[in-house]
Amino acid sequence: MSGPSQRAAERQTARRGPTTRPSTGSTSSRGAGAARRSSTTSTSAAAPGRTGAAARVAALRDRPSLTGRAVVLSIVVALLVFTLAVPARAVLKQRAEINSLRADNAAAQARVDALTVREERLRDPVYVTSLVRERLHYVLPGEVGYVVLDPSEAPAPSSKPKAAPVVSWYSSLWAAVSTADSAGAPVPAGVAVRPNAPK
């Protein structure tokens, strides 16, 4: 035997005390056994105070570290943990969904409140008139409307000179033909005449 089973057997023999075996051997073996028994009884009688604390320490040292009850208890605890893990996770997920839905509900309620206030304001004709005059620049009969531009919003005047209008080739050709036909007639103001045009 080895390990915990050997220790358990030793503890059982220690509890029973010295056993008397029938002598089947020679007289010398009987004498040795008697001497051994008398030495153990004399040792236990000589140290009566040692039996209390030392026996407890020895019992704790000889005690097996892992018993059957501890194994069963650890299995039961592990089963409980695994059994409760899935519902606990589902509960936490549902709590998060409930919190997000409550936040969405609060935001929707705030939008509804703002729209209700706007609807009540739009029922007032004075507010509607001021809104129309402000946004669409309407004026009542007899009033003069002015639009004042902010200097930052006003377009800056263009500093580039205006380019001369581009005259197409057929316009130039037609002007030259017209000029040749009316040899001495004045050229209209809108017609551009080239300096090298025939006269």
N, C-alpha and C. Protein backbone atom coordinates (compact mmCIF):
# COMPACT_ATOMS: atom_id res chain seq x y z
N MET A 1 0.84 -1.19 0.00
CA MET A 1 0.00 0.00 0.00
C MET A 1 0.88 1.24 0.00
N SER A 2 0.35 2.27 -0.61
CA SER A 2 1.14 3.50 -0.65
C SER A 2 0.19 4.68 -0.62
N GLY A 3 0.70 5.80 -0.15
CA GLY A 3 -0.06 7.02 -0.20
C GLY A 3 -1.14 7.11 0.86
N PRO A 4 -2.31 7.66 0.50
CA PRO A 4 -3.38 7.88 1.49
C PRO A 4 -3.92 6.58 2.09
N SER A 5 -3.97 5.50 1.32
CA SER A 5 -4.53 4.25 1.87
C SER A 5 -3.61 3.68 2.96
N GLN A 6 -2.29 3.84 2.79
CA GLN A 6 -1.37 3.34 3.81
C GLN A 6 -1.53 4.16 5.08
N ARG A 7 -1.67 5.50 4.92
CA ARG A 7 -1.85 6.35 6.10
C ARG A 7 -3.15 6.03 6.83
N ALA A 8 -4.20 5.73 6.05
CA ALA A 8 -5.47 5.38 6.68
C ALA A 8 -5.35 4.08 7.46
N ALA A 9 -4.63 3.11 6.93
CA ALA A 9 -4.45 1.84 7.64
C ALA A 9 -3.65 2.05 8.91
N GLU A 10 -2.63 2.91 8.85
CA GLU A 10 -1.83 3.18 10.04
C GLU A 10 -2.68 3.87 11.11
N ARG A 11 -3.56 4.78 10.68
CA ARG A 11 -4.42 5.44 11.68
C ARG A 11 -5.36 4.46 12.35
N GLN A 12 -5.90 3.53 11.58
CA GLN A 12 -6.81 2.54 12.17
C GLN A 12 -6.09 1.66 13.17
N THR A 13 -4.90 1.26 12.87
CA THR A 13 -4.15 0.43 13.82
C THR A 13 -3.79 1.22 15.05
N ALA A 14 -3.51 2.54 14.89
CA ALA A 14 -3.18 3.36 16.06
C ALA A 14 -4.40 3.51 16.96
N ARG A 15 -5.60 3.59 16.36
CA ARG A 15 -6.81 3.73 17.17
C ARG A 15 -7.11 2.46 17.97
N ARG A 16 -6.87 1.34 17.37
CA ARG A 16 -7.18 0.07 18.04
C ARG A 16 -6.27 -0.21 19.21
N GLY A 17 -5.07 0.31 19.14
CA GLY A 17 -4.12 0.04 20.21
C GLY A 17 -3.29 -1.19 19.90
N PRO A 18 -2.43 -1.60 20.85
CA PRO A 18 -1.59 -2.78 20.59
C PRO A 18 -2.44 -4.04 20.55
N THR A 19 -2.23 -4.84 19.53
CA THR A 19 -2.99 -6.08 19.40
C THR A 19 -2.15 -7.25 19.89
N THR A 20 -2.84 -8.19 20.40
CA THR A 20 -2.14 -9.40 20.89
C THR A 20 -2.32 -10.47 19.85
N ARG A 21 -1.20 -10.89 19.30
CA ARG A 21 -1.25 -11.93 18.31
C ARG A 21 -0.90 -13.26 18.96
N PRO A 22 -1.51 -14.31 18.47
CA PRO A 22 -1.13 -15.62 19.02
C PRO A 22 0.29 -15.96 18.60
N SER A 23 1.01 -16.49 19.52
CA SER A 23 2.41 -16.77 19.25
C SER A 23 2.54 -18.12 18.58
N THR A 24 3.10 -18.10 17.42
CA THR A 24 3.31 -19.36 16.70
C THR A 24 4.78 -19.60 16.48
N GLY A 25 5.60 -18.61 16.77
CA GLY A 25 7.03 -18.72 16.50
C GLY A 25 7.78 -19.30 17.70
N SER A 26 9.08 -19.12 17.68
CA SER A 26 9.94 -19.63 18.73
C SER A 26 9.91 -18.73 19.94
N THR A 27 10.60 -19.12 20.98
CA THR A 27 10.62 -18.36 22.22
C THR A 27 11.40 -17.08 22.05
N SER A 28 12.37 -17.09 21.17
CA SER A 28 13.15 -15.87 20.97
C SER A 28 12.30 -14.80 20.31
N SER A 29 11.44 -15.22 19.38
CA SER A 29 10.56 -14.24 18.76
C SER A 29 9.54 -13.74 19.74
N ARG A 30 9.11 -14.64 20.68
CA ARG A 30 8.17 -14.20 21.71
C ARG A 30 8.81 -13.16 22.61
N GLY A 31 10.02 -13.38 22.91
CA GLY A 31 10.72 -12.45 23.79
C GLY A 31 10.92 -11.10 23.12
N ALA A 32 11.21 -11.11 21.84
CA ALA A 32 11.41 -9.84 21.11
C ALA A 32 10.11 -9.07 21.01
N GLY A 33 9.01 -9.80 20.76
CA GLY A 33 7.71 -9.13 20.67
C GLY A 33 7.31 -8.54 22.00
N ALA A 34 7.59 -9.26 23.09
CA ALA A 34 7.26 -8.74 24.41
C ALA A 34 8.10 -7.54 24.72
N ALA A 35 9.36 -7.58 24.33
CA ALA A 35 10.23 -6.43 24.58
C ALA A 35 9.75 -5.21 23.80
N ARG A 36 9.30 -5.45 22.57
CA ARG A 36 8.79 -4.33 21.78
C ARG A 36 7.54 -3.75 22.40
N ARG A 37 6.63 -4.62 22.84
CA ARG A 37 5.39 -4.15 23.45
C ARG A 37 5.66 -3.39 24.74
N SER A 38 6.58 -3.89 25.51
CA SER A 38 6.86 -3.23 26.78
C SER A 38 7.53 -1.88 26.53
N SER A 39 8.33 -1.78 25.43
CA SER A 39 8.98 -0.48 25.15
C SER A 39 7.95 0.54 24.68
N THR A 40 6.96 0.11 23.87
CA THR A 40 5.94 1.06 23.42
C THR A 40 5.06 1.49 24.57
N THR A 41 4.72 0.59 25.45
CA THR A 41 3.88 0.98 26.59
C THR A 41 4.65 1.86 27.53
N SER A 42 5.96 1.61 27.71
CA SER A 42 6.73 2.47 28.60
C SER A 42 6.93 3.84 27.98
N THR A 43 7.06 3.91 26.66
CA THR A 43 7.21 5.22 26.01
C THR A 43 5.93 6.02 26.12
N SER A 44 4.80 5.35 25.90
CA SER A 44 3.54 6.09 26.02
C SER A 44 3.26 6.47 27.45
N ALA A 45 3.70 5.67 28.37
CA ALA A 45 3.49 6.03 29.78
C ALA A 45 4.44 7.12 30.20
N ALA A 46 5.64 7.16 29.61
CA ALA A 46 6.62 8.16 30.01
C ALA A 46 6.26 9.55 29.50
N ALA A 47 5.59 9.62 28.36
CA ALA A 47 5.27 10.93 27.79
C ALA A 47 3.76 11.07 27.62
N PRO A 48 3.05 11.30 28.75
CA PRO A 48 1.60 11.42 28.62
C PRO A 48 1.18 12.76 28.02
N GLY A 49 1.96 13.82 28.19
CA GLY A 49 1.59 15.13 27.65
C GLY A 49 1.78 15.21 26.14
N ARG A 50 2.59 14.34 25.58
CA ARG A 50 2.89 14.37 24.16
C ARG A 50 1.71 13.89 23.34
N THR A 51 0.88 13.08 23.92
CA THR A 51 -0.20 12.47 23.15
C THR A 51 -1.21 13.49 22.67
N GLY A 52 -1.46 14.57 23.39
CA GLY A 52 -2.48 15.55 23.00
C GLY A 52 -2.11 16.35 21.76
N ALA A 53 -1.09 17.22 21.86
CA ALA A 53 -0.71 18.11 20.75
C ALA A 53 -0.03 17.36 19.61
N ALA A 54 0.85 16.44 19.96
CA ALA A 54 1.57 15.71 18.91
C ALA A 54 0.62 14.81 18.12
N ALA A 55 -0.35 14.24 18.81
CA ALA A 55 -1.30 13.38 18.12
C ALA A 55 -2.17 14.20 17.17
N ARG A 56 -2.53 15.40 17.60
CA ARG A 56 -3.33 16.25 16.72
C ARG A 56 -2.53 16.67 15.48
N VAL A 57 -1.25 17.03 15.69
CA VAL A 57 -0.40 17.42 14.56
C VAL A 57 -0.20 16.24 13.63
N ALA A 58 0.02 15.08 14.20
CA ALA A 58 0.22 13.89 13.37
C ALA A 58 -1.06 13.54 12.61
N ALA A 59 -2.21 13.72 13.28
CA ALA A 59 -3.49 13.42 12.62
C ALA A 59 -3.74 14.40 11.46
N LEU A 60 -3.37 15.67 11.69
CA LEU A 60 -3.53 16.64 10.61
C LEU A 60 -2.56 16.36 9.46
N ARG A 61 -1.34 15.91 9.80
CA ARG A 61 -0.37 15.62 8.77
C ARG A 61 -0.75 14.37 7.99
N ASP A 62 -1.31 13.39 8.68
CA ASP A 62 -1.68 12.14 8.04
C ASP A 62 -3.02 12.23 7.33
N ARG A 63 -3.74 13.29 7.55
CA ARG A 63 -5.07 13.43 6.95
C ARG A 63 -4.93 13.62 5.43
N PRO A 64 -5.69 12.92 4.64
CA PRO A 64 -5.59 13.09 3.19
C PRO A 64 -6.08 14.49 2.78
N SER A 65 -5.38 15.09 1.79
CA SER A 65 -5.69 16.46 1.40
C SER A 65 -6.98 16.55 0.59
N LEU A 66 -7.36 15.52 -0.12
CA LEU A 66 -8.54 15.56 -0.97
C LEU A 66 -9.44 14.39 -0.62
N THR A 67 -10.57 14.71 -0.02
CA THR A 67 -11.51 13.65 0.37
C THR A 67 -12.62 13.55 -0.66
N GLY A 68 -13.39 12.49 -0.55
CA GLY A 68 -14.50 12.29 -1.48
C GLY A 68 -15.55 13.37 -1.36
N ARG A 69 -15.80 13.80 -0.13
CA ARG A 69 -16.81 14.85 0.07
C ARG A 69 -16.38 16.17 -0.57
N ALA A 70 -15.09 16.48 -0.47
CA ALA A 70 -14.59 17.72 -1.08
C ALA A 70 -14.72 17.66 -2.60
N VAL A 71 -14.45 16.51 -3.18
CA VAL A 71 -14.57 16.36 -4.63
C VAL A 71 -16.01 16.55 -5.07
N VAL A 72 -16.94 15.92 -4.34
CA VAL A 72 -18.37 16.04 -4.68
C VAL A 72 -18.83 17.48 -4.52
N LEU A 73 -18.38 18.14 -3.44
CA LEU A 73 -18.77 19.53 -3.21
C LEU A 73 -18.24 20.45 -4.31
N SER A 74 -16.98 20.24 -4.74
CA SER A 74 -16.43 21.08 -5.81
C SER A 74 -17.17 20.84 -7.13
N ILE A 75 -17.56 19.60 -7.41
CA ILE A 75 -18.33 19.32 -8.63
C ILE A 75 -19.68 20.02 -8.58
N VAL A 76 -20.34 19.97 -7.42
CA VAL A 76 -21.65 20.62 -7.28
C VAL A 76 -21.52 22.14 -7.46
N VAL A 77 -20.48 22.72 -6.87
CA VAL A 77 -20.28 24.18 -7.01
C VAL A 77 -20.00 24.54 -8.47
N ALA A 78 -19.19 23.73 -9.16
CA ALA A 78 -18.91 24.01 -10.57
C ALA A 78 -20.17 23.90 -11.41
N LEU A 79 -21.01 22.90 -11.13
CA LEU A 79 -22.28 22.78 -11.86
C LEU A 79 -23.19 23.97 -11.61
N LEU A 80 -23.23 24.43 -10.37
CA LEU A 80 -24.04 25.62 -10.07
C LEU A 80 -23.53 26.85 -10.81
N VAL A 81 -22.21 27.01 -10.86
CA VAL A 81 -21.65 28.18 -11.55
C VAL A 81 -21.98 28.12 -13.04
N PHE A 82 -21.79 26.93 -13.65
CA PHE A 82 -22.09 26.81 -15.08
C PHE A 82 -23.59 26.95 -15.35
N THR A 83 -24.41 26.49 -14.44
CA THR A 83 -25.86 26.59 -14.64
C THR A 83 -26.33 28.04 -14.54
N LEU A 84 -25.73 28.79 -13.62
CA LEU A 84 -26.17 30.18 -13.42
C LEU A 84 -25.49 31.17 -14.36
N ALA A 85 -24.43 30.75 -15.06
CA ALA A 85 -23.69 31.70 -15.91
C ALA A 85 -24.53 32.14 -17.11
N VAL A 86 -25.24 31.22 -17.74
CA VAL A 86 -26.02 31.56 -18.94
C VAL A 86 -27.19 32.49 -18.60
N PRO A 87 -28.01 32.19 -17.57
CA PRO A 87 -29.08 33.14 -17.24
C PRO A 87 -28.57 34.50 -16.78
N ALA A 88 -27.44 34.50 -16.05
CA ALA A 88 -26.90 35.79 -15.60
C ALA A 88 -26.46 36.63 -16.79
N ARG A 89 -25.85 35.98 -17.78
CA ARG A 89 -25.45 36.71 -18.99
C ARG A 89 -26.66 37.26 -19.74
N ALA A 90 -27.71 36.45 -19.82
CA ALA A 90 -28.94 36.90 -20.50
C ALA A 90 -29.56 38.08 -19.75
N VAL A 91 -29.53 38.03 -18.42
CA VAL A 91 -30.10 39.13 -17.62
C VAL A 91 -29.31 40.41 -17.86
N LEU A 92 -27.97 40.31 -17.88
CA LEU A 92 -27.16 41.51 -18.12
C LEU A 92 -27.41 42.08 -19.50
N LYS A 93 -27.57 41.21 -20.50
CA LYS A 93 -27.84 41.68 -21.86
C LYS A 93 -29.19 42.38 -21.93
N GLN A 94 -30.19 41.80 -21.26
CA GLN A 94 -31.53 42.42 -21.26
C GLN A 94 -31.51 43.76 -20.54
N ARG A 95 -30.72 43.85 -19.47
CA ARG A 95 -30.61 45.15 -18.76
C ARG A 95 -30.02 46.21 -19.67
N ALA A 96 -29.00 45.85 -20.44
CA ALA A 96 -28.40 46.82 -21.36
C ALA A 96 -29.39 47.24 -22.43
N GLU A 97 -30.17 46.29 -22.95
CA GLU A 97 -31.18 46.64 -23.95
C GLU A 97 -32.25 47.55 -23.36
N ILE A 98 -32.66 47.26 -22.14
CA ILE A 98 -33.68 48.10 -21.48
C ILE A 98 -33.16 49.52 -21.29
N ASN A 99 -31.89 49.66 -20.88
CA ASN A 99 -31.32 50.99 -20.68
C ASN A 99 -31.24 51.76 -22.00
N SER A 100 -30.84 51.08 -23.09
CA SER A 100 -30.77 51.77 -24.38
C SER A 100 -32.15 52.17 -24.87
N LEU A 101 -33.15 51.31 -24.66
CA LEU A 101 -34.52 51.65 -25.06
C LEU A 101 -35.07 52.81 -24.23
N ARG A 102 -34.70 52.85 -22.96
CA ARG A 102 -35.15 53.99 -22.14
C ARG A 102 -34.52 55.29 -22.63
N ALA A 103 -33.25 55.24 -23.03
CA ALA A 103 -32.61 56.46 -23.56
C ALA A 103 -33.26 56.89 -24.87
N ASP A 104 -33.55 55.92 -25.74
CA ASP A 104 -34.25 56.26 -27.00
C ASP A 104 -35.63 56.85 -26.73
N ASN A 105 -36.32 56.29 -25.75
CA ASN A 105 -37.65 56.79 -25.39
C ASN A 105 -37.58 58.22 -24.87
N ALA A 106 -36.57 58.49 -24.05
CA ALA A 106 -36.42 59.86 -23.51
C ALA A 106 -36.11 60.86 -24.63
N ALA A 107 -35.26 60.46 -25.59
CA ALA A 107 -34.94 61.36 -26.71
C ALA A 107 -36.18 61.61 -27.58
N ALA A 108 -36.96 60.56 -27.83
CA ALA A 108 -38.19 60.72 -28.63
C ALA A 108 -39.19 61.61 -27.90
N GLN A 109 -39.28 61.46 -26.58
CA GLN A 109 -40.21 62.30 -25.81
C GLN A 109 -39.78 63.77 -25.85
N ALA A 110 -38.46 64.01 -25.81
CA ALA A 110 -37.97 65.39 -25.90
C ALA A 110 -38.30 66.00 -27.26
N ARG A 111 -38.17 65.20 -28.35
CA ARG A 111 -38.54 65.70 -29.67
C ARG A 111 -40.03 66.00 -29.76
N VAL A 112 -40.85 65.13 -29.16
CA VAL A 112 -42.30 65.35 -29.17
C VAL A 112 -42.65 66.62 -28.42
N ASP A 113 -42.00 66.86 -27.28
CA ASP A 113 -42.27 68.08 -26.51
C ASP A 113 -41.89 69.33 -27.30
N ALA A 114 -40.74 69.28 -27.99
CA ALA A 114 -40.31 70.44 -28.79
C ALA A 114 -41.28 70.70 -29.93
N LEU A 115 -41.74 69.64 -30.60
CA LEU A 115 -42.69 69.83 -31.69
C LEU A 115 -44.04 70.32 -31.19
N THR A 116 -44.44 69.90 -29.99
CA THR A 116 -45.70 70.39 -29.42
C THR A 116 -45.62 71.89 -29.15
N VAL A 117 -44.48 72.33 -28.60
CA VAL A 117 -44.30 73.77 -28.35
C VAL A 117 -44.31 74.55 -29.66
N ARG A 118 -43.65 73.98 -30.70
CA ARG A 118 -43.63 74.67 -32.00
C ARG A 118 -45.03 74.74 -32.61
N GLU A 119 -45.79 73.68 -32.46
CA GLU A 119 -47.17 73.70 -32.99
C GLU A 119 -48.01 74.76 -32.30
N GLU A 120 -47.86 74.89 -30.99
CA GLU A 120 -48.62 75.91 -30.26
C GLU A 120 -48.21 77.32 -30.70
N ARG A 121 -46.91 77.49 -30.98
CA ARG A 121 -46.46 78.82 -31.42
C ARG A 121 -46.96 79.13 -32.84
N LEU A 122 -47.04 78.11 -33.68
CA LEU A 122 -47.50 78.35 -35.05
C LEU A 122 -49.00 78.63 -35.11
N ARG A 123 -49.72 78.35 -34.08
CA ARG A 123 -51.15 78.69 -34.05
C ARG A 123 -51.37 80.18 -33.79
N ASP A 124 -50.35 80.87 -33.30
CA ASP A 124 -50.46 82.29 -33.01
C ASP A 124 -50.23 83.08 -34.31
N PRO A 125 -51.22 83.88 -34.79
CA PRO A 125 -51.04 84.60 -36.07
C PRO A 125 -49.94 85.66 -36.01
N VAL A 126 -49.71 86.25 -34.86
CA VAL A 126 -48.66 87.27 -34.75
C VAL A 126 -47.29 86.63 -34.99
N TYR A 127 -47.07 85.43 -34.42
CA TYR A 127 -45.80 84.74 -34.60
C TYR A 127 -45.61 84.33 -36.07
N VAL A 128 -46.70 83.88 -36.69
CA VAL A 128 -46.61 83.47 -38.10
C VAL A 128 -46.28 84.68 -38.97
N THR A 129 -46.90 85.84 -38.70
CA THR A 129 -46.62 87.05 -39.48
C THR A 129 -45.16 87.47 -39.32
N SER A 130 -44.65 87.46 -38.09
CA SER A 130 -43.25 87.84 -37.89
C SER A 130 -42.30 86.85 -38.57
N LEU A 131 -42.68 85.57 -38.56
CA LEU A 131 -41.84 84.54 -39.21
C LEU A 131 -41.79 84.76 -40.73
N VAL A 132 -42.97 85.09 -41.33
CA VAL A 132 -43.02 85.32 -42.77
C VAL A 132 -42.22 86.56 -43.14
N ARG A 133 -42.35 87.62 -42.38
CA ARG A 133 -41.63 88.86 -42.67
C ARG A 133 -40.12 88.66 -42.53
N GLU A 134 -39.72 87.84 -41.56
CA GLU A 134 -38.28 87.64 -41.32
C GLU A 134 -37.67 86.75 -42.40
N ARG A 135 -38.34 85.63 -42.71
CA ARG A 135 -37.74 84.67 -43.63
C ARG A 135 -37.93 85.03 -45.10
N LEU A 136 -39.11 85.54 -45.46
CA LEU A 136 -39.41 85.81 -46.86
C LEU A 136 -39.30 87.29 -47.23
N HIS A 137 -38.96 88.13 -46.27
CA HIS A 137 -38.80 89.58 -46.48
C HIS A 137 -40.07 90.21 -47.03
N TYR A 138 -41.20 89.80 -46.52
CA TYR A 138 -42.47 90.41 -46.93
C TYR A 138 -42.66 91.72 -46.17
N VAL A 139 -43.36 92.65 -46.82
CA VAL A 139 -43.70 93.92 -46.16
C VAL A 139 -45.21 94.13 -46.28
N LEU A 140 -45.74 94.82 -45.33
CA LEU A 140 -47.17 95.13 -45.37
C LEU A 140 -47.40 96.29 -46.32
N PRO A 141 -48.63 96.45 -46.80
CA PRO A 141 -48.91 97.58 -47.71
C PRO A 141 -48.59 98.91 -47.04
N GLY A 142 -47.89 99.76 -47.79
CA GLY A 142 -47.51 101.07 -47.27
C GLY A 142 -46.14 101.08 -46.62
N GLU A 143 -45.51 99.95 -46.43
CA GLU A 143 -44.17 99.89 -45.82
C GLU A 143 -43.12 99.79 -46.92
N VAL A 144 -41.95 100.25 -46.60
CA VAL A 144 -40.82 100.15 -47.52
C VAL A 144 -39.84 99.15 -46.92
N GLY A 145 -39.47 98.16 -47.72
CA GLY A 145 -38.57 97.13 -47.22
C GLY A 145 -37.13 97.41 -47.59
N TYR A 146 -36.26 97.26 -46.63
CA TYR A 146 -34.83 97.44 -46.87
C TYR A 146 -34.12 96.15 -46.50
N VAL A 147 -33.14 95.81 -47.30
CA VAL A 147 -32.30 94.65 -47.00
C VAL A 147 -30.90 95.18 -46.77
N VAL A 148 -30.41 95.03 -45.58
CA VAL A 148 -29.08 95.52 -45.22
C VAL A 148 -28.13 94.32 -45.23
N LEU A 149 -27.10 94.45 -46.03
CA LEU A 149 -26.12 93.37 -46.12
C LEU A 149 -24.99 93.60 -45.13
N ASP A 150 -24.55 92.57 -44.58
CA ASP A 150 -23.39 92.63 -43.70
C ASP A 150 -22.15 92.79 -44.58
N PRO A 151 -21.20 93.62 -44.19
CA PRO A 151 -20.01 93.80 -45.04
C PRO A 151 -19.27 92.48 -45.30
N SER A 152 -19.32 91.57 -44.37
CA SER A 152 -18.64 90.29 -44.60
C SER A 152 -19.40 89.44 -45.61
N GLU A 153 -20.71 89.67 -45.76
CA GLU A 153 -21.50 88.89 -46.69
C GLU A 153 -21.58 89.53 -48.08
N ALA A 154 -21.32 90.84 -48.19
CA ALA A 154 -21.46 91.54 -49.48
C ALA A 154 -20.36 91.07 -50.43
N PRO A 155 -20.69 90.87 -51.71
CA PRO A 155 -19.66 90.44 -52.66
C PRO A 155 -18.67 91.57 -52.92
N ALA A 156 -17.40 91.23 -52.99
CA ALA A 156 -16.35 92.23 -53.23
C ALA A 156 -16.39 92.67 -54.69
N PRO A 157 -16.15 93.96 -54.96
CA PRO A 157 -16.15 94.41 -56.37
C PRO A 157 -14.97 93.79 -57.10
N SER A 158 -15.21 93.50 -58.36
CA SER A 158 -14.19 92.84 -59.16
C SER A 158 -13.13 93.87 -59.58
N SER A 159 -11.86 93.56 -59.36
CA SER A 159 -10.78 94.47 -59.71
C SER A 159 -10.28 94.22 -61.13
N LYS A 160 -10.65 93.11 -61.76
CA LYS A 160 -10.20 92.80 -63.10
C LYS A 160 -11.01 93.63 -64.11
N PRO A 161 -10.36 94.16 -65.12
CA PRO A 161 -11.11 94.89 -66.17
C PRO A 161 -11.93 93.90 -66.99
N LYS A 162 -13.06 94.39 -67.48
CA LYS A 162 -13.92 93.53 -68.28
C LYS A 162 -13.27 93.26 -69.63
N ALA A 163 -13.29 92.02 -70.01
CA ALA A 163 -12.69 91.64 -71.30
C ALA A 163 -13.61 92.05 -72.43
N ALA A 164 -13.01 92.37 -73.57
CA ALA A 164 -13.79 92.76 -74.75
C ALA A 164 -14.58 91.56 -75.24
N PRO A 165 -15.79 91.81 -75.75
CA PRO A 165 -16.58 90.68 -76.21
C PRO A 165 -15.91 90.00 -77.40
N VAL A 166 -15.98 88.71 -77.40
CA VAL A 166 -15.36 87.94 -78.48
C VAL A 166 -16.30 87.96 -79.68
N VAL A 167 -15.74 88.38 -80.82
CA VAL A 167 -16.52 88.47 -82.05
C VAL A 167 -16.19 87.26 -82.90
N SER A 168 -17.20 86.57 -83.38
CA SER A 168 -16.96 85.37 -84.19
C SER A 168 -16.48 85.76 -85.59
N TRP A 169 -15.89 84.83 -86.31
CA TRP A 169 -15.31 85.10 -87.61
C TRP A 169 -16.36 85.47 -88.65
N TYR A 170 -17.54 84.84 -88.53
CA TYR A 170 -18.56 85.18 -89.53
C TYR A 170 -19.15 86.56 -89.28
N SER A 171 -19.17 87.00 -88.03
CA SER A 171 -19.63 88.38 -87.76
C SER A 171 -18.65 89.39 -88.35
N SER A 172 -17.38 89.07 -88.17
CA SER A 172 -16.36 89.97 -88.74
C SER A 172 -16.45 90.00 -90.27
N LEU A 173 -16.68 88.84 -90.87
CA LEU A 173 -16.81 88.76 -92.32
C LEU A 173 -18.02 89.53 -92.82
N TRP A 174 -19.10 89.38 -92.12
CA TRP A 174 -20.32 90.09 -92.52
C TRP A 174 -20.15 91.59 -92.37
N ALA A 175 -19.47 92.01 -91.32
CA ALA A 175 -19.22 93.44 -91.14
C ALA A 175 -18.34 93.98 -92.26
N ALA A 176 -17.37 93.17 -92.66
CA ALA A 176 -16.48 93.62 -93.76
C ALA A 176 -17.25 93.72 -95.06
N VAL A 177 -18.14 92.78 -95.33
CA VAL A 177 -18.94 92.82 -96.56
C VAL A 177 -19.87 94.03 -96.53
N SER A 178 -20.47 94.27 -95.40
CA SER A 178 -21.36 95.44 -95.28
C SER A 178 -20.59 96.72 -95.49
N THR A 179 -19.41 96.80 -94.99
CA THR A 179 -18.60 98.00 -95.14
C THR A 179 -18.22 98.20 -96.61
N ALA A 180 -17.92 97.12 -97.29
CA ALA A 180 -17.54 97.24 -98.71
C ALA A 180 -18.72 97.66 -99.57
N ASP A 181 -19.92 97.20 -99.22
CA ASP A 181 -21.10 97.57 -100.00
C ASP A 181 -21.44 99.04 -99.84
N SER A 182 -21.36 99.51 -98.66
CA SER A 182 -21.71 100.91 -98.42
C SER A 182 -20.43 101.71 -98.36
N ALA A 183 -19.76 101.85 -99.40
CA ALA A 183 -18.42 102.41 -99.46
C ALA A 183 -18.29 103.71 -98.67
N GLY A 184 -19.15 104.56 -98.69
CA GLY A 184 -18.98 105.81 -97.96
C GLY A 184 -19.92 105.94 -96.77
N ALA A 185 -20.74 104.93 -96.52
CA ALA A 185 -21.71 105.02 -95.41
C ALA A 185 -21.01 104.85 -94.07
N PRO A 186 -21.51 105.55 -93.09
CA PRO A 186 -20.86 105.40 -91.77
C PRO A 186 -21.09 103.99 -91.21
N VAL A 187 -20.12 103.51 -90.46
CA VAL A 187 -20.18 102.17 -89.86
C VAL A 187 -21.05 102.24 -88.61
N PRO A 188 -21.97 101.32 -88.47
CA PRO A 188 -22.77 101.34 -87.24
C PRO A 188 -21.90 101.19 -85.99
N ALA A 189 -22.43 101.66 -84.89
CA ALA A 189 -21.63 101.71 -83.66
C ALA A 189 -21.30 100.31 -83.12
N GLY A 190 -22.15 99.34 -83.34
CA GLY A 190 -21.92 98.02 -82.73
C GLY A 190 -21.02 97.15 -83.55
N VAL A 191 -20.61 97.57 -84.77
CA VAL A 191 -19.82 96.73 -85.66
C VAL A 191 -18.36 97.09 -85.51
N ALA A 192 -17.54 96.06 -85.31
CA ALA A 192 -16.08 96.30 -85.19
C ALA A 192 -15.47 96.13 -86.57
N VAL A 193 -14.66 97.09 -86.96
CA VAL A 193 -14.01 97.05 -88.29
C VAL A 193 -12.54 96.90 -88.09
N ARG A 194 -11.96 95.96 -88.83
CA ARG A 194 -10.52 95.76 -88.71
C ARG A 194 -9.80 96.91 -89.44
N PRO A 195 -8.61 97.23 -88.99
CA PRO A 195 -7.89 98.32 -89.66
C PRO A 195 -7.41 97.93 -91.06
N ASN A 196 -7.19 96.67 -91.31
CA ASN A 196 -6.72 96.26 -92.63
C ASN A 196 -7.85 95.81 -93.56
N ALA A 197 -9.09 96.13 -93.21
CA ALA A 197 -10.24 95.74 -94.05
C ALA A 197 -10.21 96.53 -95.36
N PRO A 198 -10.62 95.92 -96.44
CA PRO A 198 -10.62 96.66 -97.72
C PRO A 198 -11.70 97.73 -97.71
N LYS A 199 -11.42 98.82 -98.37
CA LYS A 199 -12.37 99.93 -98.41
C LYS A 199 -13.05 100.02 -99.75
